[in-house]
Amino acid sequence: MPILETMKLSRPVSWFLLAFGVWSWVIWFTFVKNLWKDASGLAFDDSGDPTAYFWVHLLLAITSFLLGTAIGVIGLRGVRALRRNDASE
């Protein structure tokens, strides 16, 4: 039996994880949008090519999107399981 099927999350923890996943997407989406429009010279050099700063921060954003999605899905599954349990009682 997989461990996630036997694990039970409390309501506050489930909502926190779900909110964290949404928050991560909002924050990092905004960051990537601003990174893409950067005119300060950090993200793109004079010829318009991406700099190391751009690639490092894009990799950080992608990693955060993946982790935020995974954490949000765990929270969503916890919230849905709690609602199913409440409905069956």
PDB file of N, CA and C in Angstrom:
ATOM      1  N   MET A   1       0.848  -1.186   0.000  1.00  0.00           N
ATOM      2  CA  MET A   1       0.000   0.000   0.000  1.00  0.00           C
ATOM      3  C   MET A   1       0.888   1.241   0.000  1.00  0.00           C
ATOM      4  N   PRO A   2       0.700   2.139  -0.977  1.00  0.00           N
ATOM      5  CA  PRO A   2       1.513   3.362  -1.018  1.00  0.00           C
ATOM      6  C   PRO A   2       1.300   4.219   0.228  1.00  0.00           C
ATOM      7  N   ILE A   3       2.363   4.891   0.624  1.00  0.00           N
ATOM      8  CA  ILE A   3       2.320   5.682   1.858  1.00  0.00           C
ATOM      9  C   ILE A   3       1.306   6.819   1.781  1.00  0.00           C
ATOM     10  N   LEU A   4       1.124   7.415   0.590  1.00  0.00           N
ATOM     11  CA  LEU A   4       0.187   8.531   0.473  1.00  0.00           C
ATOM     12  C   LEU A   4      -1.259   8.099   0.657  1.00  0.00           C
ATOM     13  N   GLU A   5      -1.550   6.817   0.433  1.00  0.00           N
ATOM     14  CA  GLU A   5      -2.908   6.337   0.655  1.00  0.00           C
ATOM     15  C   GLU A   5      -3.198   6.158   2.135  1.00  0.00           C
ATOM     16  N   THR A   6      -2.185   5.964   2.947  1.00  0.00           N
ATOM     17  CA  THR A   6      -2.396   5.759   4.377  1.00  0.00           C
ATOM     18  C   THR A   6      -2.200   7.035   5.184  1.00  0.00           C
ATOM     19  N   MET A   7      -1.610   8.047   4.596  1.00  0.00           N
ATOM     20  CA  MET A   7      -1.346   9.294   5.312  1.00  0.00           C
ATOM     21  C   MET A   7      -2.605  10.147   5.353  1.00  0.00           C
ATOM     22  N   LYS A   8      -2.856  10.757   6.516  1.00  0.00           N
ATOM     23  CA  LYS A   8      -4.002  11.652   6.660  1.00  0.00           C
ATOM     24  C   LYS A   8      -3.497  13.021   7.072  1.00  0.00           C
ATOM     25  N   LEU A   9      -3.905  14.029   6.322  1.00  0.00           N
ATOM     26  CA  LEU A   9      -3.530  15.405   6.622  1.00  0.00           C
ATOM     27  C   LEU A   9      -4.687  16.092   7.335  1.00  0.00           C
ATOM     28  N   SER A  10      -4.358  16.960   8.265  1.00  0.00           N
ATOM     29  CA  SER A  10      -5.404  17.732   8.931  1.00  0.00           C
ATOM     30  C   SER A  10      -5.940  18.787   7.967  1.00  0.00           C
ATOM     31  N   ARG A  11      -7.083  19.343   8.293  1.00  0.00           N
ATOM     32  CA  ARG A  11      -7.697  20.377   7.459  1.00  0.00           C
ATOM     33  C   ARG A  11      -6.785  21.595   7.321  1.00  0.00           C
ATOM     34  N   PRO A  12      -6.227  22.138   8.434  1.00  0.00           N
ATOM     35  CA  PRO A  12      -5.349  23.307   8.278  1.00  0.00           C
ATOM     36  C   PRO A  12      -4.103  23.018   7.434  1.00  0.00           C
ATOM     37  N   VAL A  13      -3.524  21.854   7.600  1.00  0.00           N
ATOM     38  CA  VAL A  13      -2.326  21.507   6.824  1.00  0.00           C
ATOM     39  C   VAL A  13      -2.676  21.362   5.344  1.00  0.00           C
ATOM     40  N   SER A  14      -3.794  20.728   5.056  1.00  0.00           N
ATOM     41  CA  SER A  14      -4.216  20.566   3.659  1.00  0.00           C
ATOM     42  C   SER A  14      -4.433  21.915   2.991  1.00  0.00           C
ATOM     43  N   TRP A  15      -5.127  22.819   3.676  1.00  0.00           N
ATOM     44  CA  TRP A  15      -5.370  24.152   3.115  1.00  0.00           C
ATOM     45  C   TRP A  15      -4.077  24.942   2.983  1.00  0.00           C
ATOM     46  N   PHE A  16      -3.175  24.791   3.957  1.00  0.00           N
ATOM     47  CA  PHE A  16      -1.888  25.484   3.875  1.00  0.00           C
ATOM     48  C   PHE A  16      -1.101  25.022   2.652  1.00  0.00           C
ATOM     49  N   LEU A  17      -1.042  23.715   2.427  1.00  0.00           N
ATOM     50  CA  LEU A  17      -0.307  23.185   1.276  1.00  0.00           C
ATOM     51  C   LEU A  17      -0.932  23.639  -0.042  1.00  0.00           C
ATOM     52  N   LEU A  18      -2.252  23.635  -0.102  1.00  0.00           N
ATOM     53  CA  LEU A  18      -2.933  24.101  -1.307  1.00  0.00           C
ATOM     54  C   LEU A  18      -2.651  25.586  -1.542  1.00  0.00           C
ATOM     55  N   ALA A  19      -2.743  26.384  -0.489  1.00  0.00           N
ATOM     56  CA  ALA A  19      -2.468  27.821  -0.611  1.00  0.00           C
ATOM     57  C   ALA A  19      -1.015  28.069  -1.000  1.00  0.00           C
ATOM     58  N   PHE A  20      -0.092  27.274  -0.453  1.00  0.00           N
ATOM     59  CA  PHE A  20       1.316  27.412  -0.801  1.00  0.00           C
ATOM     60  C   PHE A  20       1.530  27.149  -2.287  1.00  0.00           C
ATOM     61  N   GLY A  21       0.877  26.122  -2.821  1.00  0.00           N
ATOM     62  CA  GLY A  21       1.003  25.812  -4.244  1.00  0.00           C
ATOM     63  C   GLY A  21       0.499  26.943  -5.122  1.00  0.00           C
ATOM     64  N   VAL A  22      -0.649  27.507  -4.770  1.00  0.00           N
ATOM     65  CA  VAL A  22      -1.203  28.635  -5.533  1.00  0.00           C
ATOM     66  C   VAL A  22      -0.288  29.848  -5.406  1.00  0.00           C
ATOM     67  N   TRP A  23       0.157  30.142  -4.184  1.00  0.00           N
ATOM     68  CA  TRP A  23       1.046  31.283  -3.925  1.00  0.00           C
ATOM     69  C   TRP A  23       2.334  31.157  -4.745  1.00  0.00           C
ATOM     70  N   SER A  24       2.887  29.959  -4.785  1.00  0.00           N
ATOM     71  CA  SER A  24       4.117  29.730  -5.536  1.00  0.00           C
ATOM     72  C   SER A  24       3.915  30.062  -7.012  1.00  0.00           C
ATOM     73  N   TRP A  25       2.801  29.649  -7.590  1.00  0.00           N
ATOM     74  CA  TRP A  25       2.526  29.949  -8.991  1.00  0.00           C
ATOM     75  C   TRP A  25       2.357  31.441  -9.218  1.00  0.00           C
ATOM     76  N   VAL A  26       1.625  32.107  -8.332  1.00  0.00           N
ATOM     77  CA  VAL A  26       1.391  33.551  -8.503  1.00  0.00           C
ATOM     78  C   VAL A  26       2.710  34.314  -8.437  1.00  0.00           C
ATOM     79  N   ILE A  27       3.501  34.034  -7.418  1.00  0.00           N
ATOM     80  CA  ILE A  27       4.762  34.755  -7.216  1.00  0.00           C
ATOM     81  C   ILE A  27       5.737  34.500  -8.359  1.00  0.00           C
ATOM     82  N   TRP A  28       5.954  33.244  -8.713  1.00  0.00           N
ATOM     83  CA  TRP A  28       6.957  32.929  -9.725  1.00  0.00           C
ATOM     84  C   TRP A  28       6.496  33.288 -11.126  1.00  0.00           C
ATOM     85  N   PHE A  29       5.195  33.216 -11.400  1.00  0.00           N
ATOM     86  CA  PHE A  29       4.705  33.666 -12.705  1.00  0.00           C
ATOM     87  C   PHE A  29       4.977  35.159 -12.873  1.00  0.00           C
ATOM     88  N   THR A  30       4.692  35.925 -11.824  1.00  0.00           N
ATOM     89  CA  THR A  30       4.964  37.367 -11.854  1.00  0.00           C
ATOM     90  C   THR A  30       6.455  37.627 -12.036  1.00  0.00           C
ATOM     91  N   PHE A  31       7.284  36.865 -11.331  1.00  0.00           N
ATOM     92  CA  PHE A  31       8.730  37.042 -11.444  1.00  0.00           C
ATOM     93  C   PHE A  31       9.211  36.768 -12.869  1.00  0.00           C
ATOM     94  N   VAL A  32       8.758  35.669 -13.464  1.00  0.00           N
ATOM     95  CA  VAL A  32       9.187  35.318 -14.829  1.00  0.00           C
ATOM     96  C   VAL A  32       8.701  36.371 -15.822  1.00  0.00           C
ATOM     97  N   LYS A  33       7.490  36.851 -15.645  1.00  0.00           N
ATOM     98  CA  LYS A  33       6.970  37.907 -16.524  1.00  0.00           C
ATOM     99  C   LYS A  33       7.858  39.150 -16.437  1.00  0.00           C
ATOM    100  N   ASN A  34       8.234  39.534 -15.223  1.00  0.00           N
ATOM    101  CA  ASN A  34       9.108  40.698 -15.046  1.00  0.00           C
ATOM    102  C   ASN A  34      10.523  40.424 -15.552  1.00  0.00           C
ATOM    103  N   LEU A  35      11.001  39.206 -15.375  1.00  0.00           N
ATOM    104  CA  LEU A  35      12.322  38.828 -15.869  1.00  0.00           C
ATOM    105  C   LEU A  35      12.363  38.939 -17.392  1.00  0.00           C
ATOM    106  N   TRP A  36      11.298  38.485 -18.038  1.00  0.00           N
ATOM    107  CA  TRP A  36      11.221  38.507 -19.497  1.00  0.00           C
ATOM    108  C   TRP A  36      11.224  39.932 -20.038  1.00  0.00           C
ATOM    109  N   LYS A  37      10.605  40.854 -19.289  1.00  0.00           N
ATOM    110  CA  LYS A  37      10.519  42.256 -19.725  1.00  0.00           C
ATOM    111  C   LYS A  37      11.692  43.097 -19.229  1.00  0.00           C
ATOM    112  N   ASP A  38      12.673  42.497 -18.586  1.00  0.00           N
ATOM    113  CA  ASP A  38      13.766  43.239 -17.956  1.00  0.00           C
ATOM    114  C   ASP A  38      14.499  44.128 -18.953  1.00  0.00           C
ATOM    115  N   ALA A  39      14.647  45.383 -18.582  1.00  0.00           N
ATOM    116  CA  ALA A  39      15.366  46.336 -19.428  1.00  0.00           C
ATOM    117  C   ALA A  39      16.613  46.867 -18.728  1.00  0.00           C
ATOM    118  N   SER A  40      16.920  46.330 -17.555  1.00  0.00           N
ATOM    119  CA  SER A  40      18.053  46.851 -16.779  1.00  0.00           C
ATOM    120  C   SER A  40      19.395  46.298 -17.249  1.00  0.00           C
ATOM    121  N   GLY A  41      19.370  45.269 -18.069  1.00  0.00           N
ATOM    122  CA  GLY A  41      20.617  44.674 -18.532  1.00  0.00           C
ATOM    123  C   GLY A  41      21.021  43.442 -17.751  1.00  0.00           C
ATOM    124  N   LEU A  42      20.255  43.081 -16.730  1.00  0.00           N
ATOM    125  CA  LEU A  42      20.587  41.879 -15.964  1.00  0.00           C
ATOM    126  C   LEU A  42      20.215  40.607 -16.719  1.00  0.00           C
ATOM    127  N   ALA A  43      19.008  40.566 -17.275  1.00  0.00           N
ATOM    128  CA  ALA A  43      18.515  39.350 -17.909  1.00  0.00           C
ATOM    129  C   ALA A  43      18.971  39.200 -19.357  1.00  0.00           C
ATOM    130  N   PHE A  44      19.181  40.309 -20.033  1.00  0.00           N
ATOM    131  CA  PHE A  44      19.578  40.261 -21.438  1.00  0.00           C
ATOM    132  C   PHE A  44      20.738  41.219 -21.665  1.00  0.00           C
ATOM    133  N   ASP A  45      21.691  40.784 -22.476  1.00  0.00           N
ATOM    134  CA  ASP A  45      22.838  41.662 -22.750  1.00  0.00           C
ATOM    135  C   ASP A  45      22.476  42.679 -23.837  1.00  0.00           C
ATOM    136  N   ASP A  46      23.463  43.442 -24.265  1.00  0.00           N
ATOM    137  CA  ASP A  46      23.214  44.525 -25.230  1.00  0.00           C
ATOM    138  C   ASP A  46      22.683  44.027 -26.574  1.00  0.00           C
ATOM    139  N   SER A  47      23.045  42.805 -26.943  1.00  0.00           N
ATOM    140  CA  SER A  47      22.566  42.267 -28.221  1.00  0.00           C
ATOM    141  C   SER A  47      21.222  41.545 -28.076  1.00  0.00           C
ATOM    142  N   GLY A  48      20.671  41.515 -26.857  1.00  0.00           N
ATOM    143  CA  GLY A  48      19.370  40.893 -26.636  1.00  0.00           C
ATOM    144  C   GLY A  48      19.422  39.427 -26.276  1.00  0.00           C
ATOM    145  N   ASP A  49      20.624  38.882 -26.108  1.00  0.00           N
ATOM    146  CA  ASP A  49      20.756  37.475 -25.737  1.00  0.00           C
ATOM    147  C   ASP A  49      20.600  37.310 -24.225  1.00  0.00           C
ATOM    148  N   PRO A  50      20.004  36.181 -23.794  1.00  0.00           N
ATOM    149  CA  PRO A  50      19.846  35.946 -22.358  1.00  0.00           C
ATOM    150  C   PRO A  50      21.210  35.801 -21.665  1.00  0.00           C
ATOM    151  N   THR A  51      21.300  36.333 -20.461  1.00  0.00           N
ATOM    152  CA  THR A  51      22.531  36.241 -19.673  1.00  0.00           C
ATOM    153  C   THR A  51      22.440  35.051 -18.726  1.00  0.00           C
ATOM    154  N   ALA A  52      23.535  34.789 -18.013  1.00  0.00           N
ATOM    155  CA  ALA A  52      23.543  33.724 -17.006  1.00  0.00           C
ATOM    156  C   ALA A  52      22.507  34.014 -15.919  1.00  0.00           C
ATOM    157  N   TYR A  53      22.349  35.278 -15.565  1.00  0.00           N
ATOM    158  CA  TYR A  53      21.336  35.684 -14.576  1.00  0.00           C
ATOM    159  C   TYR A  53      19.951  35.204 -15.012  1.00  0.00           C
ATOM    160  N   PHE A  54      19.636  35.398 -16.288  1.00  0.00           N
ATOM    161  CA  PHE A  54      18.341  34.974 -16.823  1.00  0.00           C
ATOM    162  C   PHE A  54      18.173  33.463 -16.686  1.00  0.00           C
ATOM    163  N   TRP A  55      19.174  32.698 -17.125  1.00  0.00           N
ATOM    164  CA  TRP A  55      19.061  31.240 -17.113  1.00  0.00           C
ATOM    165  C   TRP A  55      18.971  30.680 -15.700  1.00  0.00           C
ATOM    166  N   VAL A  56      19.752  31.226 -14.785  1.00  0.00           N
ATOM    167  CA  VAL A  56      19.707  30.752 -13.395  1.00  0.00           C
ATOM    168  C   VAL A  56      18.334  31.022 -12.791  1.00  0.00           C
ATOM    169  N   HIS A  57      17.814  32.217 -13.004  1.00  0.00           N
ATOM    170  CA  HIS A  57      16.524  32.555 -12.414  1.00  0.00           C
ATOM    171  C   HIS A  57      15.365  31.851 -13.115  1.00  0.00           C
ATOM    172  N   LEU A  58      15.502  31.582 -14.393  1.00  0.00           N
ATOM    173  CA  LEU A  58      14.485  30.794 -15.074  1.00  0.00           C
ATOM    174  C   LEU A  58      14.469  29.365 -14.531  1.00  0.00           C
ATOM    175  N   LEU A  59      15.642  28.793 -14.288  1.00  0.00           N
ATOM    176  CA  LEU A  59      15.723  27.455 -13.699  1.00  0.00           C
ATOM    177  C   LEU A  59      15.122  27.432 -12.293  1.00  0.00           C
ATOM    178  N   LEU A  60      15.395  28.463 -11.502  1.00  0.00           N
ATOM    179  CA  LEU A  60      14.780  28.567 -10.172  1.00  0.00           C
ATOM    180  C   LEU A  60      13.259  28.632 -10.279  1.00  0.00           C
ATOM    181  N   ALA A  61      12.764  29.396 -11.232  1.00  0.00           N
ATOM    182  CA  ALA A  61      11.316  29.527 -11.403  1.00  0.00           C
ATOM    183  C   ALA A  61      10.691  28.197 -11.825  1.00  0.00           C
ATOM    184  N   ILE A  62      11.314  27.506 -12.768  1.00  0.00           N
ATOM    185  CA  ILE A  62      10.785  26.211 -13.221  1.00  0.00           C
ATOM    186  C   ILE A  62      10.755  25.222 -12.067  1.00  0.00           C
ATOM    187  N   THR A  63      11.828  25.184 -11.287  1.00  0.00           N
ATOM    188  CA  THR A  63      11.874  24.301 -10.121  1.00  0.00           C
ATOM    189  C   THR A  63      10.765  24.654  -9.138  1.00  0.00           C
ATOM    190  N   SER A  64      10.561  25.937  -8.908  1.00  0.00           N
ATOM    191  CA  SER A  64       9.507  26.374  -7.990  1.00  0.00           C
ATOM    192  C   SER A  64       8.119  26.053  -8.530  1.00  0.00           C
ATOM    193  N   PHE A  65       7.927  26.156  -9.854  1.00  0.00           N
ATOM    194  CA  PHE A  65       6.645  25.763 -10.443  1.00  0.00           C
ATOM    195  C   PHE A  65       6.380  24.277 -10.190  1.00  0.00           C
ATOM    196  N   LEU A  66       7.393  23.455 -10.401  1.00  0.00           N
ATOM    197  CA  LEU A  66       7.225  22.015 -10.205  1.00  0.00           C
ATOM    198  C   LEU A  66       6.952  21.669  -8.748  1.00  0.00           C
ATOM    199  N   LEU A  67       7.745  22.243  -7.841  1.00  0.00           N
ATOM    200  CA  LEU A  67       7.539  21.968  -6.417  1.00  0.00           C
ATOM    201  C   LEU A  67       6.212  22.543  -5.926  1.00  0.00           C
ATOM    202  N   GLY A  68       5.875  23.746  -6.370  1.00  0.00           N
ATOM    203  CA  GLY A  68       4.599  24.349  -5.986  1.00  0.00           C
ATOM    204  C   GLY A  68       3.419  23.523  -6.469  1.00  0.00           C
ATOM    205  N   THR A  69       3.536  22.992  -7.681  1.00  0.00           N
ATOM    206  CA  THR A  69       2.474  22.140  -8.216  1.00  0.00           C
ATOM    207  C   THR A  69       2.343  20.865  -7.396  1.00  0.00           C
ATOM    208  N   ALA A  70       3.463  20.212  -7.101  1.00  0.00           N
ATOM    209  CA  ALA A  70       3.427  18.972  -6.319  1.00  0.00           C
ATOM    210  C   ALA A  70       2.845  19.213  -4.927  1.00  0.00           C
ATOM    211  N   ILE A  71       3.285  20.277  -4.272  1.00  0.00           N
ATOM    212  CA  ILE A  71       2.793  20.588  -2.931  1.00  0.00           C
ATOM    213  C   ILE A  71       1.311  20.956  -2.985  1.00  0.00           C
ATOM    214  N   GLY A  72       0.917  21.732  -3.986  1.00  0.00           N
ATOM    215  CA  GLY A  72      -0.489  22.098  -4.139  1.00  0.00           C
ATOM    216  C   GLY A  72      -1.377  20.894  -4.399  1.00  0.00           C
ATOM    217  N   VAL A  73      -0.895  19.948  -5.188  1.00  0.00           N
ATOM    218  CA  VAL A  73      -1.666  18.728  -5.469  1.00  0.00           C
ATOM    219  C   VAL A  73      -1.839  17.909  -4.194  1.00  0.00           C
ATOM    220  N   ILE A  74      -0.802  17.809  -3.384  1.00  0.00           N
ATOM    221  CA  ILE A  74      -0.923  17.096  -2.106  1.00  0.00           C
ATOM    222  C   ILE A  74      -1.975  17.776  -1.232  1.00  0.00           C
ATOM    223  N   GLY A  75      -1.930  19.104  -1.166  1.00  0.00           N
ATOM    224  CA  GLY A  75      -2.931  19.838  -0.393  1.00  0.00           C
ATOM    225  C   GLY A  75      -4.333  19.644  -0.937  1.00  0.00           C
ATOM    226  N   LEU A  76      -4.486  19.693  -2.262  1.00  0.00           N
ATOM    227  CA  LEU A  76      -5.794  19.497  -2.889  1.00  0.00           C
ATOM    228  C   LEU A  76      -6.333  18.103  -2.593  1.00  0.00           C
ATOM    229  N   ARG A  77      -5.473  17.107  -2.678  1.00  0.00           N
ATOM    230  CA  ARG A  77      -5.903  15.742  -2.366  1.00  0.00           C
ATOM    231  C   ARG A  77      -6.341  15.623  -0.912  1.00  0.00           C
ATOM    232  N   GLY A  78      -5.622  16.325  -0.014  1.00  0.00           N
ATOM    233  CA  GLY A  78      -6.006  16.315   1.398  1.00  0.00           C
ATOM    234  C   GLY A  78      -7.353  16.972   1.623  1.00  0.00           C
ATOM    235  N   VAL A  79      -7.587  18.121   0.981  1.00  0.00           N
ATOM    236  CA  VAL A  79      -8.869  18.824   1.118  1.00  0.00           C
ATOM    237  C   VAL A  79     -10.001  17.967   0.562  1.00  0.00           C
ATOM    238  N   ARG A  80      -9.785  17.366  -0.596  1.00  0.00           N
ATOM    239  CA  ARG A  80     -10.827  16.525  -1.205  1.00  0.00           C
ATOM    240  C   ARG A  80     -11.128  15.304  -0.350  1.00  0.00           C
ATOM    241  N   ALA A  81     -10.100  14.699   0.239  1.00  0.00           N
ATOM    242  CA  ALA A  81     -10.313  13.533   1.100  1.00  0.00           C
ATOM    243  C   ALA A  81     -11.102  13.925   2.348  1.00  0.00           C
ATOM    244  N   LEU A  82     -10.783  15.077   2.918  1.00  0.00           N
ATOM    245  CA  LEU A  82     -11.523  15.536   4.099  1.00  0.00           C
ATOM    246  C   LEU A  82     -12.982  15.813   3.755  1.00  0.00           C
ATOM    247  N   ARG A  83     -13.231  16.379   2.591  1.00  0.00           N
ATOM    248  CA  ARG A  83     -14.618  16.642   2.182  1.00  0.00           C
ATOM    249  C   ARG A  83     -15.381  15.345   1.941  1.00  0.00           C
ATOM    250  N   ARG A  84     -14.709  14.349   1.362  1.00  0.00           N
ATOM    251  CA  ARG A  84     -15.360  13.044   1.170  1.00  0.00           C
ATOM    252  C   ARG A  84     -15.697  12.426   2.519  1.00  0.00           C
ATOM    253  N   ASN A  85     -14.768  12.523   3.481  1.00  0.00           N
ATOM    254  CA  ASN A  85     -15.013  11.966   4.814  1.00  0.00           C
ATOM    255  C   ASN A  85     -16.152  12.695   5.512  1.00  0.00           C
ATOM    256  N   ASP A  86     -16.207  14.030   5.367  1.00  0.00           N
ATOM    257  CA  ASP A  86     -17.291  14.807   5.976  1.00  0.00           C
ATOM    258  C   ASP A  86     -18.638  14.434   5.363  1.00  0.00           C
ATOM    259  N   ALA A  87     -18.661  14.189   4.060  1.00  0.00           N
ATOM    260  CA  ALA A  87     -19.908  13.848   3.375  1.00  0.00           C
ATOM    261  C   ALA A  87     -20.394  12.451   3.756  1.00  0.00           C
ATOM    262  N   SER A  88     -19.465  11.541   4.040  1.00  0.00           N
ATOM    263  CA  SER A  88     -19.857  10.167   4.367  1.00  0.00           C
ATOM    264  C   SER A  88     -20.285  10.013   5.823  1.00  0.00           C
ATOM    265  N   GLU A  89     -19.982  10.994   6.648  1.00  0.00           N
ATOM    266  CA  GLU A  89     -20.350  10.886   8.075  1.00  0.00           C
ATOM    267  C   GLU A  89     -21.731  11.386   8.338  1.00  0.00           C
TER     268      GLU A  89
END
